[in-house]
Amino acid sequence: MDKSNLEKDKKLLVDTIKKSSKDLPNFLDDLLTEEEILDLAQRIKIARLIFDGKTYDEIAEKVGTSTSTVSKIGQIVKYGKGGLEKALGGKKRN
């Protein structure tokens, strides 16, 4: 994967989302499949529960996913760039 293209594409995505913020639900419906929307929402739910201090087993049961999926989001929460933390008002777990 070409990093320069990734950064350009990420900027394109961010800029487009900013421009469509007033009609974001329709933009997301046009851009993403229902499954993609559900997957993204699931990641947000998992991250919120991690920030709330729930165990991976509790989260997996509540969200209806595997602990492996929860662990992947946990790694993003712990080692990521802090975007989820800022968006969700959470605190990183150590």
C-alpha atoms as a PDB file:
ATOM      1  CA  MET A   1       0.000   0.000   0.000  1.00  0.00           C
ATOM      2  CA  ASP A   2       1.346   3.381  -0.999  1.00  0.00           C
ATOM      3  CA  LYS A   3       1.420   5.650   2.077  1.00  0.00           C
ATOM      4  CA  SER A   4       1.176   8.851   0.035  1.00  0.00           C
ATOM      5  CA  ASN A   5      -1.999   7.600  -1.652  1.00  0.00           C
ATOM      6  CA  LEU A   6      -3.386   6.532   1.717  1.00  0.00           C
ATOM      7  CA  GLU A   7      -2.878  10.016   3.137  1.00  0.00           C
ATOM      8  CA  LYS A   8      -4.410  11.659   0.061  1.00  0.00           C
ATOM      9  CA  ASP A   9      -7.386   9.299   0.160  1.00  0.00           C
ATOM     10  CA  LYS A  10      -7.842   9.840   3.887  1.00  0.00           C
ATOM     11  CA  LYS A  11      -7.857  13.600   3.312  1.00  0.00           C
ATOM     12  CA  LEU A  12     -10.415  13.174   0.524  1.00  0.00           C
ATOM     13  CA  LEU A  13     -12.631  11.141   2.836  1.00  0.00           C
ATOM     14  CA  VAL A  14     -12.327  13.580   5.756  1.00  0.00           C
ATOM     15  CA  ASP A  15     -12.945  16.626   3.557  1.00  0.00           C
ATOM     16  CA  THR A  16     -15.982  15.006   1.956  1.00  0.00           C
ATOM     17  CA  ILE A  17     -17.445  14.010   5.322  1.00  0.00           C
ATOM     18  CA  LYS A  18     -16.958  17.565   6.585  1.00  0.00           C
ATOM     19  CA  LYS A  19     -18.768  18.987   3.530  1.00  0.00           C
ATOM     20  CA  SER A  20     -21.666  16.579   3.943  1.00  0.00           C
ATOM     21  CA  SER A  21     -22.047  16.954   7.711  1.00  0.00           C
ATOM     22  CA  LYS A  22     -25.468  18.630   7.390  1.00  0.00           C
ATOM     23  CA  ASP A  23     -26.811  15.606   5.523  1.00  0.00           C
ATOM     24  CA  LEU A  24     -24.525  12.940   6.963  1.00  0.00           C
ATOM     25  CA  PRO A  25     -27.154  10.178   7.362  1.00  0.00           C
ATOM     26  CA  ASN A  26     -28.010  10.310   3.644  1.00  0.00           C
ATOM     27  CA  PHE A  27     -24.341  10.578   2.696  1.00  0.00           C
ATOM     28  CA  LEU A  28     -23.566   7.443   4.724  1.00  0.00           C
ATOM     29  CA  ASP A  29     -26.536   5.609   3.189  1.00  0.00           C
ATOM     30  CA  ASP A  30     -25.255   6.458  -0.298  1.00  0.00           C
ATOM     31  CA  LEU A  31     -21.620   5.622   0.440  1.00  0.00           C
ATOM     32  CA  LEU A  32     -21.818   2.521   2.639  1.00  0.00           C
ATOM     33  CA  THR A  33     -23.710  -0.738   2.605  1.00  0.00           C
ATOM     34  CA  GLU A  34     -25.955  -1.579   5.558  1.00  0.00           C
ATOM     35  CA  GLU A  35     -23.374  -4.139   6.688  1.00  0.00           C
ATOM     36  CA  GLU A  36     -20.569  -1.563   6.603  1.00  0.00           C
ATOM     37  CA  ILE A  37     -22.663   0.837   8.684  1.00  0.00           C
ATOM     38  CA  LEU A  38     -23.415  -1.938  11.184  1.00  0.00           C
ATOM     39  CA  ASP A  39     -19.716  -2.899  11.354  1.00  0.00           C
ATOM     40  CA  LEU A  40     -18.634   0.674  12.040  1.00  0.00           C
ATOM     41  CA  ALA A  41     -21.365   1.136  14.643  1.00  0.00           C
ATOM     42  CA  GLN A  42     -20.298  -2.109  16.315  1.00  0.00           C
ATOM     43  CA  ARG A  43     -16.721  -0.826  16.622  1.00  0.00           C
ATOM     44  CA  ILE A  44     -18.005   2.349  18.270  1.00  0.00           C
ATOM     45  CA  LYS A  45     -20.172   0.346  20.691  1.00  0.00           C
ATOM     46  CA  ILE A  46     -17.192  -1.841  21.598  1.00  0.00           C
ATOM     47  CA  ALA A  47     -14.908   1.157  22.131  1.00  0.00           C
ATOM     48  CA  ARG A  48     -17.504   2.850  24.373  1.00  0.00           C
ATOM     49  CA  LEU A  49     -17.791  -0.260  26.520  1.00  0.00           C
ATOM     50  CA  ILE A  50     -14.001  -0.544  26.754  1.00  0.00           C
ATOM     51  CA  PHE A  51     -13.853   3.071  27.929  1.00  0.00           C
ATOM     52  CA  ASP A  52     -16.586   2.208  30.451  1.00  0.00           C
ATOM     53  CA  GLY A  53     -14.279  -0.445  31.899  1.00  0.00           C
ATOM     54  CA  LYS A  54     -16.264  -3.514  30.839  1.00  0.00           C
ATOM     55  CA  THR A  55     -14.403  -6.803  30.392  1.00  0.00           C
ATOM     56  CA  TYR A  56     -13.903  -8.238  26.931  1.00  0.00           C
ATOM     57  CA  ASP A  57     -16.243 -11.123  27.812  1.00  0.00           C
ATOM     58  CA  GLU A  58     -18.960  -8.700  28.953  1.00  0.00           C
ATOM     59  CA  ILE A  59     -18.563  -6.637  25.801  1.00  0.00           C
ATOM     60  CA  ALA A  60     -18.619  -9.661  23.485  1.00  0.00           C
ATOM     61  CA  GLU A  61     -21.838 -10.892  25.084  1.00  0.00           C
ATOM     62  CA  LYS A  62     -23.526  -7.482  25.106  1.00  0.00           C
ATOM     63  CA  VAL A  63     -22.590  -6.583  21.515  1.00  0.00           C
ATOM     64  CA  GLY A  64     -22.974 -10.101  20.144  1.00  0.00           C
ATOM     65  CA  THR A  65     -19.481 -10.565  18.803  1.00  0.00           C
ATOM     66  CA  SER A  66     -16.342 -12.547  19.576  1.00  0.00           C
ATOM     67  CA  THR A  67     -13.748 -11.590  22.179  1.00  0.00           C
ATOM     68  CA  SER A  68     -11.279 -11.565  19.270  1.00  0.00           C
ATOM     69  CA  THR A  69     -13.184  -8.676  17.673  1.00  0.00           C
ATOM     70  CA  VAL A  70     -13.323  -6.885  21.020  1.00  0.00           C
ATOM     71  CA  SER A  71      -9.586  -7.435  21.448  1.00  0.00           C
ATOM     72  CA  LYS A  72      -8.873  -5.862  18.045  1.00  0.00           C
ATOM     73  CA  ILE A  73     -10.770  -2.726  19.047  1.00  0.00           C
ATOM     74  CA  GLY A  74      -9.058  -2.848  22.442  1.00  0.00           C
ATOM     75  CA  GLN A  75      -5.685  -2.712  20.690  1.00  0.00           C
ATOM     76  CA  ILE A  76      -6.822   0.322  18.714  1.00  0.00           C
ATOM     77  CA  VAL A  77      -8.024   2.014  21.902  1.00  0.00           C
ATOM     78  CA  LYS A  78      -4.751   1.246  23.661  1.00  0.00           C
ATOM     79  CA  TYR A  79      -2.235   1.899  20.878  1.00  0.00           C
ATOM     80  CA  GLY A  80      -4.143   4.034  18.364  1.00  0.00           C
ATOM     81  CA  LYS A  81      -3.843   7.744  17.677  1.00  0.00           C
ATOM     82  CA  GLY A  82      -6.542   8.767  20.184  1.00  0.00           C
ATOM     83  CA  GLY A  83      -9.305   9.495  17.687  1.00  0.00           C
ATOM     84  CA  LEU A  84     -11.805   7.162  19.353  1.00  0.00           C
ATOM     85  CA  GLU A  85     -10.865   8.532  22.745  1.00  0.00           C
ATOM     86  CA  LYS A  86     -11.578  12.102  21.629  1.00  0.00           C
ATOM     87  CA  ALA A  87     -14.765  11.257  19.742  1.00  0.00           C
ATOM     88  CA  LEU A  88     -16.210   9.159  22.548  1.00  0.00           C
ATOM     89  CA  GLY A  89     -14.844  11.121  25.513  1.00  0.00           C
ATOM     90  CA  GLY A  90     -13.123   8.036  26.873  1.00  0.00           C
ATOM     91  CA  LYS A  91      -9.903   7.387  28.679  1.00  0.00           C
ATOM     92  CA  LYS A  92      -7.326   4.853  27.503  1.00  0.00           C
ATOM     93  CA  ARG A  93      -6.971   1.745  29.636  1.00  0.00           C
ATOM     94  CA  ASN A  94      -3.476   0.632  30.626  1.00  0.00           C
END
